[in-house]
Amino acid sequence: MATTQLNARVPEDLAEQVRAAAARAGMSIGDYVSDVLAADQAAASGSPALREARAQMHALAAYKKWKTTGESEEGAMDMSEVFGT
Protein backbone atom coordinates (compact mmCIF):
# COMPACT_ATOMS: atom_id res chain seq x y z
CA MET A 1 0.00 0.00 0.00
CA ALA A 2 1.30 3.44 -0.90
CA THR A 3 1.75 5.82 1.99
CA THR A 4 1.92 9.57 2.30
CA GLN A 5 3.06 11.89 5.05
CA LEU A 6 0.64 14.01 7.07
CA ASN A 7 1.77 16.76 9.41
CA ALA A 8 -0.25 18.18 12.27
CA ARG A 9 0.38 20.52 15.15
CA VAL A 10 -1.03 19.24 18.42
CA PRO A 11 -0.81 20.46 22.00
CA GLU A 12 2.31 19.21 23.79
CA ASP A 13 0.29 17.28 26.38
CA LEU A 14 -1.51 15.39 23.60
CA ALA A 15 1.80 14.67 21.89
CA GLU A 16 3.14 13.21 25.14
CA GLN A 17 0.04 11.05 25.57
CA VAL A 18 0.40 9.76 22.00
CA ARG A 19 4.11 9.04 22.47
CA ALA A 20 3.37 7.14 25.68
CA ALA A 21 0.49 5.17 24.12
CA ALA A 22 2.63 4.22 21.13
CA ALA A 23 5.44 3.10 23.42
CA ARG A 24 3.04 0.99 25.52
CA ALA A 25 1.77 -0.62 22.33
CA GLY A 26 5.32 -1.25 21.12
CA MET A 27 4.65 0.82 18.00
CA SER A 28 6.23 3.76 16.27
CA ILE A 29 4.32 7.00 16.64
CA GLY A 30 3.55 6.96 12.91
CA ASP A 31 2.14 3.44 13.02
CA TYR A 32 0.14 4.21 16.17
CA VAL A 33 -1.38 7.38 14.71
CA SER A 34 -2.11 5.57 11.45
CA ASP A 35 -3.98 2.84 13.35
CA VAL A 36 -5.95 5.40 15.37
CA LEU A 37 -6.97 7.25 12.20
CA ALA A 38 -7.90 3.99 10.44
CA ALA A 39 -10.07 2.96 13.41
CA ASP A 40 -11.78 6.36 13.42
CA GLN A 41 -12.53 6.12 9.72
CA ALA A 42 -13.83 2.55 10.10
CA ALA A 43 -16.15 3.75 12.88
CA ALA A 44 -17.36 6.58 10.64
CA SER A 45 -18.79 4.07 8.20
CA GLY A 46 -19.62 1.36 10.73
CA SER A 47 -22.78 0.42 12.55
CA PRO A 48 -25.06 3.08 13.99
CA ALA A 49 -23.65 2.31 17.45
CA LEU A 50 -20.07 2.84 16.24
CA ARG A 51 -21.02 6.07 14.46
CA GLU A 52 -22.76 7.36 17.59
CA ALA A 53 -19.79 6.46 19.81
CA ARG A 54 -17.46 8.20 17.36
CA ALA A 55 -19.64 11.31 17.28
CA GLN A 56 -19.76 11.44 21.07
CA MET A 57 -15.99 11.07 21.29
CA HIS A 58 -15.43 13.88 18.81
CA ALA A 59 -18.03 16.07 20.52
CA LEU A 60 -16.39 15.57 23.91
CA ALA A 61 -12.95 16.43 22.52
CA ALA A 62 -14.33 19.55 20.83
CA TYR A 63 -16.16 20.55 24.01
CA LYS A 64 -13.04 20.19 26.14
CA LYS A 65 -11.05 22.25 23.64
CA TRP A 66 -13.79 24.88 23.50
CA LYS A 67 -14.04 25.11 27.31
CA THR A 68 -10.35 26.00 27.52
CA THR A 69 -11.03 29.13 25.44
CA GLY A 70 -13.26 30.61 28.15
CA GLU A 71 -15.86 31.64 25.58
CA SER A 72 -19.46 32.22 26.63
CA GLU A 73 -21.97 29.41 26.20
CA GLU A 74 -24.61 31.92 25.10
CA GLY A 75 -26.07 30.91 21.75
CA ALA A 76 -24.27 27.54 21.74
CA MET A 77 -26.08 24.45 20.51
CA ASP A 78 -27.09 21.86 23.07
CA MET A 79 -26.48 18.15 22.53
CA SER A 80 -30.04 17.49 21.32
CA GLU A 81 -29.49 20.04 18.55
CA VAL A 82 -26.15 18.50 17.66
CA PHE A 83 -27.35 14.89 17.62
CA GLY A 84 -31.00 15.47 16.73
CA THR A 85 -32.32 13.63 19.80
C-alpha atoms as a PDB file:
ATOM      1  CA  MET A   1       0.000   0.000   0.000  1.00  0.00           C
ATOM      2  CA  ALA A   2       1.297   3.443  -0.900  1.00  0.00           C
ATOM      3  CA  THR A   3       1.751   5.818   1.988  1.00  0.00           C
ATOM      4  CA  THR A   4       1.917   9.570   2.304  1.00  0.00           C
ATOM      5  CA  GLN A   5       3.056  11.886   5.052  1.00  0.00           C
ATOM      6  CA  LEU A   6       0.636  14.007   7.072  1.00  0.00           C
ATOM      7  CA  ASN A   7       1.770  16.756   9.414  1.00  0.00           C
ATOM      8  CA  ALA A   8      -0.246  18.184  12.267  1.00  0.00           C
ATOM      9  CA  ARG A   9       0.385  20.522  15.146  1.00  0.00           C
ATOM     10  CA  VAL A  10      -1.031  19.244  18.424  1.00  0.00           C
ATOM     11  CA  PRO A  11      -0.814  20.463  22.002  1.00  0.00           C
ATOM     12  CA  GLU A  12       2.314  19.209  23.788  1.00  0.00           C
ATOM     13  CA  ASP A  13       0.292  17.279  26.380  1.00  0.00           C
ATOM     14  CA  LEU A  14      -1.512  15.392  23.604  1.00  0.00           C
ATOM     15  CA  ALA A  15       1.803  14.669  21.889  1.00  0.00           C
ATOM     16  CA  GLU A  16       3.145  13.214  25.142  1.00  0.00           C
ATOM     17  CA  GLN A  17       0.036  11.050  25.566  1.00  0.00           C
ATOM     18  CA  VAL A  18       0.400   9.756  21.997  1.00  0.00           C
ATOM     19  CA  ARG A  19       4.111   9.038  22.471  1.00  0.00           C
ATOM     20  CA  ALA A  20       3.365   7.137  25.676  1.00  0.00           C
ATOM     21  CA  ALA A  21       0.488   5.172  24.123  1.00  0.00           C
ATOM     22  CA  ALA A  22       2.632   4.222  21.130  1.00  0.00           C
ATOM     23  CA  ALA A  23       5.439   3.099  23.424  1.00  0.00           C
ATOM     24  CA  ARG A  24       3.037   0.991  25.521  1.00  0.00           C
ATOM     25  CA  ALA A  25       1.770  -0.623  22.330  1.00  0.00           C
ATOM     26  CA  GLY A  26       5.320  -1.247  21.118  1.00  0.00           C
ATOM     27  CA  MET A  27       4.649   0.817  18.000  1.00  0.00           C
ATOM     28  CA  SER A  28       6.234   3.758  16.266  1.00  0.00           C
ATOM     29  CA  ILE A  29       4.324   7.002  16.635  1.00  0.00           C
ATOM     30  CA  GLY A  30       3.553   6.964  12.906  1.00  0.00           C
ATOM     31  CA  ASP A  31       2.140   3.436  13.018  1.00  0.00           C
ATOM     32  CA  TYR A  32       0.139   4.212  16.170  1.00  0.00           C
ATOM     33  CA  VAL A  33      -1.383   7.385  14.711  1.00  0.00           C
ATOM     34  CA  SER A  34      -2.111   5.569  11.446  1.00  0.00           C
ATOM     35  CA  ASP A  35      -3.977   2.838  13.353  1.00  0.00           C
ATOM     36  CA  VAL A  36      -5.954   5.396  15.369  1.00  0.00           C
ATOM     37  CA  LEU A  37      -6.966   7.251  12.204  1.00  0.00           C
ATOM     38  CA  ALA A  38      -7.904   3.991  10.445  1.00  0.00           C
ATOM     39  CA  ALA A  39     -10.070   2.957  13.412  1.00  0.00           C
ATOM     40  CA  ASP A  40     -11.775   6.357  13.423  1.00  0.00           C
ATOM     41  CA  GLN A  41     -12.531   6.120   9.720  1.00  0.00           C
ATOM     42  CA  ALA A  42     -13.833   2.547  10.104  1.00  0.00           C
ATOM     43  CA  ALA A  43     -16.152   3.747  12.880  1.00  0.00           C
ATOM     44  CA  ALA A  44     -17.361   6.581  10.645  1.00  0.00           C
ATOM     45  CA  SER A  45     -18.791   4.073   8.195  1.00  0.00           C
ATOM     46  CA  GLY A  46     -19.623   1.360  10.729  1.00  0.00           C
ATOM     47  CA  SER A  47     -22.776   0.415  12.548  1.00  0.00           C
ATOM     48  CA  PRO A  48     -25.063   3.078  13.985  1.00  0.00           C
ATOM     49  CA  ALA A  49     -23.651   2.313  17.454  1.00  0.00           C
ATOM     50  CA  LEU A  50     -20.075   2.837  16.235  1.00  0.00           C
ATOM     51  CA  ARG A  51     -21.018   6.070  14.465  1.00  0.00           C
ATOM     52  CA  GLU A  52     -22.757   7.358  17.593  1.00  0.00           C
ATOM     53  CA  ALA A  53     -19.788   6.457  19.815  1.00  0.00           C
ATOM     54  CA  ARG A  54     -17.456   8.202  17.361  1.00  0.00           C
ATOM     55  CA  ALA A  55     -19.641  11.314  17.278  1.00  0.00           C
ATOM     56  CA  GLN A  56     -19.763  11.444  21.068  1.00  0.00           C
ATOM     57  CA  MET A  57     -15.988  11.066  21.292  1.00  0.00           C
ATOM     58  CA  HIS A  58     -15.430  13.884  18.809  1.00  0.00           C
ATOM     59  CA  ALA A  59     -18.034  16.075  20.522  1.00  0.00           C
ATOM     60  CA  LEU A  60     -16.386  15.567  23.909  1.00  0.00           C
ATOM     61  CA  ALA A  61     -12.951  16.427  22.519  1.00  0.00           C
ATOM     62  CA  ALA A  62     -14.332  19.545  20.828  1.00  0.00           C
ATOM     63  CA  TYR A  63     -16.163  20.549  24.009  1.00  0.00           C
ATOM     64  CA  LYS A  64     -13.039  20.193  26.141  1.00  0.00           C
ATOM     65  CA  LYS A  65     -11.053  22.251  23.637  1.00  0.00           C
ATOM     66  CA  TRP A  66     -13.794  24.877  23.499  1.00  0.00           C
ATOM     67  CA  LYS A  67     -14.043  25.109  27.311  1.00  0.00           C
ATOM     68  CA  THR A  68     -10.347  26.001  27.518  1.00  0.00           C
ATOM     69  CA  THR A  69     -11.026  29.132  25.437  1.00  0.00           C
ATOM     70  CA  GLY A  70     -13.257  30.612  28.151  1.00  0.00           C
ATOM     71  CA  GLU A  71     -15.862  31.643  25.583  1.00  0.00           C
ATOM     72  CA  SER A  72     -19.461  32.219  26.627  1.00  0.00           C
ATOM     73  CA  GLU A  73     -21.972  29.408  26.197  1.00  0.00           C
ATOM     74  CA  GLU A  74     -24.607  31.921  25.101  1.00  0.00           C
ATOM     75  CA  GLY A  75     -26.069  30.909  21.750  1.00  0.00           C
ATOM     76  CA  ALA A  76     -24.270  27.545  21.743  1.00  0.00           C
ATOM     77  CA  MET A  77     -26.084  24.450  20.510  1.00  0.00           C
ATOM     78  CA  ASP A  78     -27.088  21.860  23.066  1.00  0.00           C
ATOM     79  CA  MET A  79     -26.483  18.149  22.533  1.00  0.00           C
ATOM     80  CA  SER A  80     -30.044  17.494  21.318  1.00  0.00           C
ATOM     81  CA  GLU A  81     -29.488  20.038  18.547  1.00  0.00           C
ATOM     82  CA  VAL A  82     -26.149  18.500  17.663  1.00  0.00           C
ATOM     83  CA  PHE A  83     -27.352  14.886  17.625  1.00  0.00           C
ATOM     84  CA  GLY A  84     -31.003  15.466  16.729  1.00  0.00           C
ATOM     85  CA  THR A  85     -32.315  13.632  19.799  1.00  0.00           C
END
